[in-house]
Amino acid sequence: HGVGAAALRRGRCEGCHLSLNTVDLARIRAAPPDEVLRCEECRRILVR
């Protein structure tokens, strides 16, 4: 992709510029801080 990781800002992946749905956001909220999270659309690593 040219970029391997993307910031998660206001519920939106900065890699593909798509907003995450509420289910994905809830999963991310519940995930431990050291877990590697990925965007379901572009598969980039999400940085909280």
ModelCIF file with pLDDT and N, C-alpha, C, O atoms, coordinates in Angstrom:
data_MODEL
#
_entry.id   MODEL 
#
_entity.id                         1 
_entity.type                       polymer 
_entity.pdbx_number_of_molecules   1 
#
_entity_poly.entity_id                      1 
_entity_poly.type                           'polypeptide(L)' 
_entity_poly.nstd_linkage                   no 
_entity_poly.nstd_monomer                   no 
_entity_poly.pdbx_seq_one_letter_code       HGVGAAALRRGRCEGCHLSLNTVDLARIRAAPPDEVLRCEECRRILVR 
_entity_poly.pdbx_seq_one_letter_code_can   HGVGAAALRRGRCEGCHLSLNTVDLARIRAAPPDEVLRCEECRRILVR 
_entity_poly.pdbx_strand_id                 A 
#
loop_
_entity_poly_seq.entity_id 
_entity_poly_seq.num 
_entity_poly_seq.mon_id 
_entity_poly_seq.hetero 
1 1  HIS n 
1 2  GLY n 
1 3  VAL n 
1 4  GLY n 
1 5  ALA n 
1 6  ALA n 
1 7  ALA n 
1 8  LEU n 
1 9  ARG n 
1 10 ARG n 
1 11 GLY n 
1 12 ARG n 
1 13 CYS n 
1 14 GLU n 
1 15 GLY n 
1 16 CYS n 
1 17 HIS n 
1 18 LEU n 
1 19 SER n 
1 20 LEU n 
1 21 ASN n 
1 22 THR n 
1 23 VAL n 
1 24 ASP n 
1 25 LEU n 
1 26 ALA n 
1 27 ARG n 
1 28 ILE n 
1 29 ARG n 
1 30 ALA n 
1 31 ALA n 
1 32 PRO n 
1 33 PRO n 
1 34 ASP n 
1 35 GLU n 
1 36 VAL n 
1 37 LEU n 
1 38 ARG n 
1 39 CYS n 
1 40 GLU n 
1 41 GLU n 
1 42 CYS n 
1 43 ARG n 
1 44 ARG n 
1 45 ILE n 
1 46 LEU n 
1 47 VAL n 
1 48 ARG n 
#
_struct_asym.id          A 
_struct_asym.entity_id   1 
#
loop_
_ma_qa_metric.id 
_ma_qa_metric.mode 
_ma_qa_metric.name 
_ma_qa_metric.software_group_id 
_ma_qa_metric.type 
1 global pLDDT . pLDDT 
2 local  pLDDT . pLDDT 
#
_ma_qa_metric_global.metric_id      1 
_ma_qa_metric_global.metric_value   87.81 
_ma_qa_metric_global.model_id       1 
_ma_qa_metric_global.ordinal_id     1 
#
loop_
_ma_qa_metric_local.label_asym_id 
_ma_qa_metric_local.label_comp_id 
_ma_qa_metric_local.label_seq_id 
_ma_qa_metric_local.metric_id 
_ma_qa_metric_local.metric_value 
_ma_qa_metric_local.model_id 
_ma_qa_metric_local.ordinal_id 
A HIS 1  2 83.00 1 1  
A GLY 2  2 84.00 1 2  
A VAL 3  2 85.00 1 3  
A GLY 4  2 87.00 1 4  
A ALA 5  2 90.00 1 5  
A ALA 6  2 91.00 1 6  
A ALA 7  2 91.00 1 7  
A LEU 8  2 90.00 1 8  
A ARG 9  2 89.00 1 9  
A ARG 10 2 87.00 1 10 
A GLY 11 2 86.00 1 11 
A ARG 12 2 88.00 1 12 
A CYS 13 2 90.00 1 13 
A GLU 14 2 90.00 1 14 
A GLY 15 2 88.00 1 15 
A CYS 16 2 90.00 1 16 
A HIS 17 2 88.00 1 17 
A LEU 18 2 89.00 1 18 
A SER 19 2 89.00 1 19 
A LEU 20 2 87.00 1 20 
A ASN 21 2 86.00 1 21 
A THR 22 2 87.00 1 22 
A VAL 23 2 88.00 1 23 
A ASP 24 2 86.00 1 24 
A LEU 25 2 87.00 1 25 
A ALA 26 2 88.00 1 26 
A ARG 27 2 89.00 1 27 
A ILE 28 2 88.00 1 28 
A ARG 29 2 87.00 1 29 
A ALA 30 2 88.00 1 30 
A ALA 31 2 89.00 1 31 
A PRO 32 2 89.00 1 32 
A PRO 33 2 84.00 1 33 
A ASP 34 2 83.00 1 34 
A GLU 35 2 87.00 1 35 
A VAL 36 2 88.00 1 36 
A LEU 37 2 89.00 1 37 
A ARG 38 2 88.00 1 38 
A CYS 39 2 89.00 1 39 
A GLU 40 2 85.00 1 40 
A GLU 41 2 84.00 1 41 
A CYS 42 2 89.00 1 42 
A ARG 43 2 88.00 1 43 
A ARG 44 2 90.00 1 44 
A ILE 45 2 90.00 1 45 
A LEU 46 2 90.00 1 46 
A VAL 47 2 89.00 1 47 
A ARG 48 2 88.00 1 48 
#
loop_
_atom_site.group_PDB 
_atom_site.id 
_atom_site.type_symbol 
_atom_site.label_atom_id 
_atom_site.label_alt_id 
_atom_site.label_comp_id 
_atom_site.label_asym_id 
_atom_site.label_entity_id 
_atom_site.label_seq_id 
_atom_site.pdbx_PDB_ins_code 
_atom_site.Cartn_x 
_atom_site.Cartn_y 
_atom_site.Cartn_z 
_atom_site.occupancy 
_atom_site.B_iso_or_equiv 
_atom_site.pdbx_formal_charge 
_atom_site.auth_seq_id 
_atom_site.auth_comp_id 
_atom_site.auth_asym_id 
_atom_site.auth_atom_id 
_atom_site.pdbx_PDB_model_num 
ATOM 1   N N  . HIS A 1 1  ? 0.794   -1.232 0.000  1.00 83.00 ? 1  HIS A N  1 
ATOM 2   C CA . HIS A 1 1  ? 0.000   0.000  0.000  1.00 83.00 ? 1  HIS A CA 1 
ATOM 3   C C  . HIS A 1 1  ? 0.827   1.284  0.000  1.00 83.00 ? 1  HIS A C  1 
ATOM 4   O O  . HIS A 1 1  ? 0.281   2.371  -0.188 1.00 83.00 ? 1  HIS A O  1 
ATOM 5   N N  . GLY A 1 2  ? 2.124   1.169  0.207  1.00 84.00 ? 2  GLY A N  1 
ATOM 6   C CA . GLY A 1 2  ? 2.939   2.373  0.326  1.00 84.00 ? 2  GLY A CA 1 
ATOM 7   C C  . GLY A 1 2  ? 3.019   2.858  1.756  1.00 84.00 ? 2  GLY A C  1 
ATOM 8   O O  . GLY A 1 2  ? 3.999   3.495  2.145  1.00 84.00 ? 2  GLY A O  1 
ATOM 9   N N  . VAL A 1 3  ? 2.002   2.566  2.540  1.00 85.00 ? 3  VAL A N  1 
ATOM 10  C CA . VAL A 1 3  ? 1.951   2.906  3.966  1.00 85.00 ? 3  VAL A CA 1 
ATOM 11  C C  . VAL A 1 3  ? 1.441   1.662  4.690  1.00 85.00 ? 3  VAL A C  1 
ATOM 12  O O  . VAL A 1 3  ? 0.400   1.113  4.328  1.00 85.00 ? 3  VAL A O  1 
ATOM 13  N N  . GLY A 1 4  ? 2.175   1.219  5.713  1.00 87.00 ? 4  GLY A N  1 
ATOM 14  C CA . GLY A 1 4  ? 1.794   -0.018 6.399  1.00 87.00 ? 4  GLY A CA 1 
ATOM 15  C C  . GLY A 1 4  ? 0.880   0.198  7.577  1.00 87.00 ? 4  GLY A C  1 
ATOM 16  O O  . GLY A 1 4  ? 0.158   -0.714 7.978  1.00 87.00 ? 4  GLY A O  1 
ATOM 17  N N  . ALA A 1 5  ? 0.898   1.397  8.143  1.00 90.00 ? 5  ALA A N  1 
ATOM 18  C CA . ALA A 1 5  ? 0.074   1.680  9.321  1.00 90.00 ? 5  ALA A CA 1 
ATOM 19  C C  . ALA A 1 5  ? -0.633  3.008  9.109  1.00 90.00 ? 5  ALA A C  1 
ATOM 20  O O  . ALA A 1 5  ? -0.140  3.892  8.408  1.00 90.00 ? 5  ALA A O  1 
ATOM 21  N N  . ALA A 1 6  ? -1.797  3.126  9.730  1.00 91.00 ? 6  ALA A N  1 
ATOM 22  C CA . ALA A 1 6  ? -2.574  4.360  9.586  1.00 91.00 ? 6  ALA A CA 1 
ATOM 23  C C  . ALA A 1 6  ? -3.169  4.722  10.937 1.00 91.00 ? 6  ALA A C  1 
ATOM 24  O O  . ALA A 1 6  ? -3.518  3.850  11.733 1.00 91.00 ? 6  ALA A O  1 
ATOM 25  N N  . ALA A 1 7  ? -3.275  6.002  11.178 1.00 91.00 ? 7  ALA A N  1 
ATOM 26  C CA . ALA A 1 7  ? -3.850  6.483  12.431 1.00 91.00 ? 7  ALA A CA 1 
ATOM 27  C C  . ALA A 1 7  ? -5.365  6.301  12.405 1.00 91.00 ? 7  ALA A C  1 
ATOM 28  O O  . ALA A 1 7  ? -6.010  6.391  11.361 1.00 91.00 ? 7  ALA A O  1 
ATOM 29  N N  . LEU A 1 8  ? -5.905  6.042  13.588 1.00 90.00 ? 8  LEU A N  1 
ATOM 30  C CA . LEU A 1 8  ? -7.360  5.987  13.763 1.00 90.00 ? 8  LEU A CA 1 
ATOM 31  C C  . LEU A 1 8  ? -7.755  7.322  14.381 1.00 90.00 ? 8  LEU A C  1 
ATOM 32  O O  . LEU A 1 8  ? -7.418  7.602  15.532 1.00 90.00 ? 8  LEU A O  1 
ATOM 33  N N  . ARG A 1 9  ? -8.471  8.147  13.617 1.00 89.00 ? 9  ARG A N  1 
ATOM 34  C CA . ARG A 1 9  ? -8.873  9.473  14.091 1.00 89.00 ? 9  ARG A CA 1 
ATOM 35  C C  . ARG A 1 9  ? -10.374 9.627  13.960 1.00 89.00 ? 9  ARG A C  1 
ATOM 36  O O  . ARG A 1 9  ? -10.941 9.448  12.883 1.00 89.00 ? 9  ARG A O  1 
ATOM 37  N N  . ARG A 1 10 ? -11.010 9.963  15.074 1.00 87.00 ? 10 ARG A N  1 
ATOM 38  C CA . ARG A 1 10 ? -12.461 10.187 15.124 1.00 87.00 ? 10 ARG A CA 1 
ATOM 39  C C  . ARG A 1 10 ? -13.224 9.046  14.456 1.00 87.00 ? 10 ARG A C  1 
ATOM 40  O O  . ARG A 1 10 ? -14.179 9.272  13.712 1.00 87.00 ? 10 ARG A O  1 
ATOM 41  N N  . GLY A 1 11 ? -12.786 7.811  14.734 1.00 86.00 ? 11 GLY A N  1 
ATOM 42  C CA . GLY A 1 11 ? -13.483 6.640  14.216 1.00 86.00 ? 11 GLY A CA 1 
ATOM 43  C C  . GLY A 1 11 ? -13.252 6.390  12.734 1.00 86.00 ? 11 GLY A C  1 
ATOM 44  O O  . GLY A 1 11 ? -14.022 5.672  12.097 1.00 86.00 ? 11 GLY A O  1 
ATOM 45  N N  . ARG A 1 12 ? -12.205 6.974  12.186 1.00 88.00 ? 12 ARG A N  1 
ATOM 46  C CA . ARG A 1 12 ? -11.941 6.863  10.751 1.00 88.00 ? 12 ARG A CA 1 
ATOM 47  C C  . ARG A 1 12 ? -10.498 6.416  10.518 1.00 88.00 ? 12 ARG A C  1 
ATOM 48  O O  . ARG A 1 12 ? -9.573  6.926  11.153 1.00 88.00 ? 12 ARG A O  1 
ATOM 49  N N  . CYS A 1 13 ? -10.312 5.462  9.604  1.00 90.00 ? 13 CYS A N  1 
ATOM 50  C CA . CYS A 1 13 ? -8.967  4.991  9.231  1.00 90.00 ? 13 CYS A CA 1 
ATOM 51  C C  . CYS A 1 13 ? -8.350  6.033  8.292  1.00 90.00 ? 13 CYS A C  1 
ATOM 52  O O  . CYS A 1 13 ? -8.940  6.376  7.267  1.00 90.00 ? 13 CYS A O  1 
ATOM 53  N N  . GLU A 1 14 ? -7.173  6.530  8.643  1.00 90.00 ? 14 GLU A N  1 
ATOM 54  C CA . GLU A 1 14 ? -6.504  7.534  7.812  1.00 90.00 ? 14 GLU A CA 1 
ATOM 55  C C  . GLU A 1 14 ? -5.808  6.899  6.599  1.00 90.00 ? 14 GLU A C  1 
ATOM 56  O O  . GLU A 1 14 ? -5.299  7.609  5.732  1.00 90.00 ? 14 GLU A O  1 
ATOM 57  N N  . GLY A 1 15 ? -5.788  5.575  6.542  1.00 88.00 ? 15 GLY A N  1 
ATOM 58  C CA . GLY A 1 15 ? -5.199  4.894  5.387  1.00 88.00 ? 15 GLY A CA 1 
ATOM 59  C C  . GLY A 1 15 ? -6.157  4.852  4.214  1.00 88.00 ? 15 GLY A C  1 
ATOM 60  O O  . GLY A 1 15 ? -5.802  5.246  3.103  1.00 88.00 ? 15 GLY A O  1 
ATOM 61  N N  . CYS A 1 16 ? -7.373  4.376  4.455  1.00 90.00 ? 16 CYS A N  1 
ATOM 62  C CA . CYS A 1 16 ? -8.364  4.282  3.373  1.00 90.00 ? 16 CYS A CA 1 
ATOM 63  C C  . CYS A 1 16 ? -9.409  5.392  3.450  1.00 90.00 ? 16 CYS A C  1 
ATOM 64  O O  . CYS A 1 16 ? -10.237 5.528  2.549  1.00 90.00 ? 16 CYS A O  1 
ATOM 65  N N  . HIS A 1 17 ? -9.373  6.188  4.522  1.00 88.00 ? 17 HIS A N  1 
ATOM 66  C CA . HIS A 1 17 ? -10.274 7.336  4.734  1.00 88.00 ? 17 HIS A CA 1 
ATOM 67  C C  . HIS A 1 17 ? -11.737 6.914  4.849  1.00 88.00 ? 17 HIS A C  1 
ATOM 68  O O  . HIS A 1 17 ? -12.641 7.667  4.487  1.00 88.00 ? 17 HIS A O  1 
ATOM 69  N N  . LEU A 1 18 ? -11.956 5.721  5.349  1.00 89.00 ? 18 LEU A N  1 
ATOM 70  C CA . LEU A 1 18 ? -13.316 5.252  5.568  1.00 89.00 ? 18 LEU A CA 1 
ATOM 71  C C  . LEU A 1 18 ? -13.598 5.220  7.067  1.00 89.00 ? 18 LEU A C  1 
ATOM 72  O O  . LEU A 1 18 ? -12.712 4.922  7.867  1.00 89.00 ? 18 LEU A O  1 
ATOM 73  N N  . SER A 1 19 ? -14.843 5.530  7.438  1.00 89.00 ? 19 SER A N  1 
ATOM 74  C CA . SER A 1 19 ? -15.247 5.468  8.840  1.00 89.00 ? 19 SER A CA 1 
ATOM 75  C C  . SER A 1 19 ? -15.533 4.020  9.210  1.00 89.00 ? 19 SER A C  1 
ATOM 76  O O  . SER A 1 19 ? -16.144 3.272  8.447  1.00 89.00 ? 19 SER A O  1 
ATOM 77  N N  . LEU A 1 20 ? -15.079 3.649  10.395 1.00 87.00 ? 20 LEU A N  1 
ATOM 78  C CA . LEU A 1 20 ? -15.312 2.291  10.868 1.00 87.00 ? 20 LEU A CA 1 
ATOM 79  C C  . LEU A 1 20 ? -16.729 2.196  11.420 1.00 87.00 ? 20 LEU A C  1 
ATOM 80  O O  . LEU A 1 20 ? -17.260 3.169  11.955 1.00 87.00 ? 20 LEU A O  1 
ATOM 81  N N  . ASN A 1 21 ? -17.337 1.024  11.287 1.00 86.00 ? 21 ASN A N  1 
ATOM 82  C CA . ASN A 1 21 ? -18.698 0.872  11.794 1.00 86.00 ? 21 ASN A CA 1 
ATOM 83  C C  . ASN A 1 21 ? -18.649 0.724  13.314 1.00 86.00 ? 21 ASN A C  1 
ATOM 84  O O  . ASN A 1 21 ? -17.580 0.528  13.892 1.00 86.00 ? 21 ASN A O  1 
ATOM 85  N N  . THR A 1 22 ? -19.778 0.817  13.934 1.00 87.00 ? 22 THR A N  1 
ATOM 86  C CA . THR A 1 22 ? -19.853 0.799  15.404 1.00 87.00 ? 22 THR A CA 1 
ATOM 87  C C  . THR A 1 22 ? -19.393 -0.525 15.988 1.00 87.00 ? 22 THR A C  1 
ATOM 88  O O  . THR A 1 22 ? -18.843 -0.551 17.089 1.00 87.00 ? 22 THR A O  1 
ATOM 89  N N  . VAL A 1 23 ? -19.603 -1.614 15.283 1.00 88.00 ? 23 VAL A N  1 
ATOM 90  C CA . VAL A 1 23 ? -19.161 -2.923 15.783 1.00 88.00 ? 23 VAL A CA 1 
ATOM 91  C C  . VAL A 1 23 ? -17.633 -2.960 15.834 1.00 88.00 ? 23 VAL A C  1 
ATOM 92  O O  . VAL A 1 23 ? -17.057 -3.408 16.825 1.00 88.00 ? 23 VAL A O  1 
ATOM 93  N N  . ASP A 1 24 ? -16.980 -2.494 14.778 1.00 86.00 ? 24 ASP A N  1 
ATOM 94  C CA . ASP A 1 24 ? -15.514 -2.468 14.755 1.00 86.00 ? 24 ASP A CA 1 
ATOM 95  C C  . ASP A 1 24 ? -14.967 -1.518 15.807 1.00 86.00 ? 24 ASP A C  1 
ATOM 96  O O  . ASP A 1 24 ? -13.976 -1.828 16.469 1.00 86.00 ? 24 ASP A O  1 
ATOM 97  N N  . LEU A 1 25 ? -15.603 -0.367 15.967 1.00 87.00 ? 25 LEU A N  1 
ATOM 98  C CA . LEU A 1 25 ? -15.165 0.581  16.995 1.00 87.00 ? 25 LEU A CA 1 
ATOM 99  C C  . LEU A 1 25 ? -15.313 -0.016 18.393 1.00 87.00 ? 25 LEU A C  1 
ATOM 100 O O  . LEU A 1 25 ? -14.452 0.198  19.246 1.00 87.00 ? 25 LEU A O  1 
ATOM 101 N N  . ALA A 1 26 ? -16.380 -0.753 18.636 1.00 88.00 ? 26 ALA A N  1 
ATOM 102 C CA . ALA A 1 26 ? -16.581 -1.395 19.942 1.00 88.00 ? 26 ALA A CA 1 
ATOM 103 C C  . ALA A 1 26 ? -15.508 -2.459 20.155 1.00 88.00 ? 26 ALA A C  1 
ATOM 104 O O  . ALA A 1 26 ? -14.980 -2.577 21.261 1.00 88.00 ? 26 ALA A O  1 
ATOM 105 N N  . ARG A 1 27 ? -15.176 -3.222 19.143 1.00 89.00 ? 27 ARG A N  1 
ATOM 106 C CA . ARG A 1 27 ? -14.129 -4.244 19.241 1.00 89.00 ? 27 ARG A CA 1 
ATOM 107 C C  . ARG A 1 27 ? -12.789 -3.584 19.559 1.00 89.00 ? 27 ARG A C  1 
ATOM 108 O O  . ARG A 1 27 ? -12.020 -4.095 20.373 1.00 89.00 ? 27 ARG A O  1 
ATOM 109 N N  . ILE A 1 28 ? -12.513 -2.457 18.919 1.00 88.00 ? 28 ILE A N  1 
ATOM 110 C CA . ILE A 1 28 ? -11.253 -1.745 19.155 1.00 88.00 ? 28 ILE A CA 1 
ATOM 111 C C  . ILE A 1 28 ? -11.206 -1.204 20.577 1.00 88.00 ? 28 ILE A C  1 
ATOM 112 O O  . ILE A 1 28 ? -10.162 -1.264 21.226 1.00 88.00 ? 28 ILE A O  1 
ATOM 113 N N  . ARG A 1 29 ? -12.331 -0.672 21.073 1.00 87.00 ? 29 ARG A N  1 
ATOM 114 C CA . ARG A 1 29 ? -12.399 -0.159 22.444 1.00 87.00 ? 29 ARG A CA 1 
ATOM 115 C C  . ARG A 1 29 ? -12.104 -1.265 23.452 1.00 87.00 ? 29 ARG A C  1 
ATOM 116 O O  . ARG A 1 29 ? -11.443 -1.047 24.468 1.00 87.00 ? 29 ARG A O  1 
ATOM 117 N N  . ALA A 1 30 ? -12.597 -2.422 23.154 1.00 88.00 ? 30 ALA A N  1 
ATOM 118 C CA . ALA A 1 30 ? -12.460 -3.538 24.090 1.00 88.00 ? 30 ALA A CA 1 
ATOM 119 C C  . ALA A 1 30 ? -11.091 -4.200 24.000 1.00 88.00 ? 30 ALA A C  1 
ATOM 120 O O  . ALA A 1 30 ? -10.711 -4.945 24.903 1.00 88.00 ? 30 ALA A O  1 
ATOM 121 N N  . ALA A 1 31 ? -10.357 -3.949 22.948 1.00 89.00 ? 31 ALA A N  1 
ATOM 122 C CA . ALA A 1 31 ? -9.063  -4.604 22.747 1.00 89.00 ? 31 ALA A CA 1 
ATOM 123 C C  . ALA A 1 31 ? -8.023  -4.051 23.724 1.00 89.00 ? 31 ALA A C  1 
ATOM 124 O O  . ALA A 1 31 ? -8.040  -2.864 24.051 1.00 89.00 ? 31 ALA A O  1 
ATOM 125 N N  . PRO A 1 32 ? -7.108  -4.926 24.193 1.00 89.00 ? 32 PRO A N  1 
ATOM 126 C CA . PRO A 1 32 ? -6.047  -4.441 25.080 1.00 89.00 ? 32 PRO A CA 1 
ATOM 127 C C  . PRO A 1 32 ? -5.125  -3.467 24.328 1.00 89.00 ? 32 PRO A C  1 
ATOM 128 O O  . PRO A 1 32 ? -5.023  -3.534 23.103 1.00 89.00 ? 32 PRO A O  1 
ATOM 129 N N  . PRO A 1 33 ? -4.461  -2.574 25.051 1.00 84.00 ? 33 PRO A N  1 
ATOM 130 C CA . PRO A 1 33 ? -3.625  -1.549 24.404 1.00 84.00 ? 33 PRO A CA 1 
ATOM 131 C C  . PRO A 1 33 ? -2.477  -2.107 23.568 1.00 84.00 ? 33 PRO A C  1 
ATOM 132 O O  . PRO A 1 33 ? -2.022  -1.436 22.642 1.00 84.00 ? 33 PRO A O  1 
ATOM 133 N N  . ASP A 1 34 ? -1.997  -3.307 23.864 1.00 83.00 ? 34 ASP A N  1 
ATOM 134 C CA . ASP A 1 34 ? -0.853  -3.840 23.123 1.00 83.00 ? 34 ASP A CA 1 
ATOM 135 C C  . ASP A 1 34 ? -1.256  -4.756 21.970 1.00 83.00 ? 34 ASP A C  1 
ATOM 136 O O  . ASP A 1 34 ? -0.392  -5.327 21.304 1.00 83.00 ? 34 ASP A O  1 
ATOM 137 N N  . GLU A 1 35 ? -2.569  -4.903 21.728 1.00 87.00 ? 35 GLU A N  1 
ATOM 138 C CA . GLU A 1 35 ? -3.034  -5.751 20.635 1.00 87.00 ? 35 GLU A CA 1 
ATOM 139 C C  . GLU A 1 35 ? -2.883  -5.005 19.306 1.00 87.00 ? 35 GLU A C  1 
ATOM 140 O O  . GLU A 1 35 ? -3.149  -3.806 19.218 1.00 87.00 ? 35 GLU A O  1 
ATOM 141 N N  . VAL A 1 36 ? -2.447  -5.741 18.270 1.00 88.00 ? 36 VAL A N  1 
ATOM 142 C CA . VAL A 1 36 ? -2.295  -5.164 16.930 1.00 88.00 ? 36 VAL A CA 1 
ATOM 143 C C  . VAL A 1 36 ? -3.657  -5.211 16.250 1.00 88.00 ? 36 VAL A C  1 
ATOM 144 O O  . VAL A 1 36 ? -4.238  -6.279 16.057 1.00 88.00 ? 36 VAL A O  1 
ATOM 145 N N  . LEU A 1 37 ? -4.153  -4.028 15.891 1.00 89.00 ? 37 LEU A N  1 
ATOM 146 C CA . LEU A 1 37 ? -5.467  -3.918 15.262 1.00 89.00 ? 37 LEU A CA 1 
ATOM 147 C C  . LEU A 1 37 ? -5.290  -3.552 13.789 1.00 89.00 ? 37 LEU A C  1 
ATOM 148 O O  . LEU A 1 37 ? -4.370  -2.828 13.408 1.00 89.00 ? 37 LEU A O  1 
ATOM 149 N N  . ARG A 1 38 ? -6.210  -4.082 12.974 1.00 88.00 ? 38 ARG A N  1 
ATOM 150 C CA . ARG A 1 38 ? -6.134  -3.800 11.534 1.00 88.00 ? 38 ARG A CA 1 
ATOM 151 C C  . ARG A 1 38 ? -7.479  -3.318 11.033 1.00 88.00 ? 38 ARG A C  1 
ATOM 152 O O  . ARG A 1 38 ? -8.534  -3.715 11.527 1.00 88.00 ? 38 ARG A O  1 
ATOM 153 N N  . CYS A 1 39 ? -7.408  -2.438 10.024 1.00 89.00 ? 39 CYS A N  1 
ATOM 154 C CA . CYS A 1 39 ? -8.623  -1.924 9.394  1.00 89.00 ? 39 CYS A CA 1 
ATOM 155 C C  . CYS A 1 39 ? -9.241  -3.048 8.571  1.00 89.00 ? 39 CYS A C  1 
ATOM 156 O O  . CYS A 1 39 ? -8.539  -3.752 7.844  1.00 89.00 ? 39 CYS A O  1 
ATOM 157 N N  . GLU A 1 40 ? -10.547 -3.213 8.685  1.00 85.00 ? 40 GLU A N  1 
ATOM 158 C CA . GLU A 1 40 ? -11.232 -4.276 7.940  1.00 85.00 ? 40 GLU A CA 1 
ATOM 159 C C  . GLU A 1 40 ? -11.289 -3.980 6.439  1.00 85.00 ? 40 GLU A C  1 
ATOM 160 O O  . GLU A 1 40 ? -11.426 -4.903 5.636  1.00 85.00 ? 40 GLU A O  1 
ATOM 161 N N  . GLU A 1 41 ? -11.185 -2.715 6.054  1.00 84.00 ? 41 GLU A N  1 
ATOM 162 C CA . GLU A 1 41 ? -11.294 -2.345 4.641  1.00 84.00 ? 41 GLU A CA 1 
ATOM 163 C C  . GLU A 1 41 ? -9.949  -2.427 3.914  1.00 84.00 ? 41 GLU A C  1 
ATOM 164 O O  . GLU A 1 41 ? -9.848  -3.097 2.887  1.00 84.00 ? 41 GLU A O  1 
ATOM 165 N N  . CYS A 1 42 ? -8.914  -1.752 4.433  1.00 89.00 ? 42 CYS A N  1 
ATOM 166 C CA . CYS A 1 42 ? -7.632  -1.686 3.730  1.00 89.00 ? 42 CYS A CA 1 
ATOM 167 C C  . CYS A 1 42 ? -6.575  -2.617 4.319  1.00 89.00 ? 42 CYS A C  1 
ATOM 168 O O  . CYS A 1 42 ? -5.505  -2.784 3.734  1.00 89.00 ? 42 CYS A O  1 
ATOM 169 N N  . ARG A 1 43 ? -6.860  -3.219 5.459  1.00 88.00 ? 43 ARG A N  1 
ATOM 170 C CA . ARG A 1 43 ? -5.992  -4.189 6.140  1.00 88.00 ? 43 ARG A CA 1 
ATOM 171 C C  . ARG A 1 43 ? -4.714  -3.560 6.704  1.00 88.00 ? 43 ARG A C  1 
ATOM 172 O O  . ARG A 1 43 ? -3.801  -4.289 7.089  1.00 88.00 ? 43 ARG A O  1 
ATOM 173 N N  . ARG A 1 44 ? -4.626  -2.242 6.763  1.00 90.00 ? 44 ARG A N  1 
ATOM 174 C CA . ARG A 1 44 ? -3.468  -1.589 7.382  1.00 90.00 ? 44 ARG A CA 1 
ATOM 175 C C  . ARG A 1 44 ? -3.550  -1.735 8.900  1.00 90.00 ? 44 ARG A C  1 
ATOM 176 O O  . ARG A 1 44 ? -4.618  -1.963 9.467  1.00 90.00 ? 44 ARG A O  1 
ATOM 177 N N  . ILE A 1 45 ? -2.398  -1.598 9.534  1.00 90.00 ? 45 ILE A N  1 
ATOM 178 C CA . ILE A 1 45 ? -2.345  -1.622 10.991 1.00 90.00 ? 45 ILE A CA 1 
ATOM 179 C C  . ILE A 1 45 ? -2.921  -0.302 11.486 1.00 90.00 ? 45 ILE A C  1 
ATOM 180 O O  . ILE A 1 45 ? -2.533  0.766  11.013 1.00 90.00 ? 45 ILE A O  1 
ATOM 181 N N  . LEU A 1 46 ? -3.848  -0.377 12.439 1.00 90.00 ? 46 LEU A N  1 
ATOM 182 C CA . LEU A 1 46 ? -4.448  0.833  12.998 1.00 90.00 ? 46 LEU A CA 1 
ATOM 183 C C  . LEU A 1 46 ? -3.663  1.263  14.230 1.00 90.00 ? 46 LEU A C  1 
ATOM 184 O O  . LEU A 1 46 ? -3.370  0.457  15.114 1.00 90.00 ? 46 LEU A O  1 
ATOM 185 N N  . VAL A 1 47 ? -3.332  2.541  14.271 1.00 89.00 ? 47 VAL A N  1 
ATOM 186 C CA . VAL A 1 47 ? -2.617  3.114  15.406 1.00 89.00 ? 47 VAL A CA 1 
ATOM 187 C C  . VAL A 1 47 ? -3.600  3.981  16.172 1.00 89.00 ? 47 VAL A C  1 
ATOM 188 O O  . VAL A 1 47 ? -4.123  4.965  15.650 1.00 89.00 ? 47 VAL A O  1 
ATOM 189 N N  . ARG A 1 48 ? -3.840  3.600  17.417 1.00 88.00 ? 48 ARG A N  1 
ATOM 190 C CA . ARG A 1 48 ? -4.763  4.373  18.252 1.00 88.00 ? 48 ARG A CA 1 
ATOM 191 C C  . ARG A 1 48 ? -4.060  5.606  18.788 1.00 88.00 ? 48 ARG A C  1 
ATOM 192 O O  . ARG A 1 48 ? -4.664  6.394  19.515 1.00 88.00 ? 48 ARG A O  1 
#
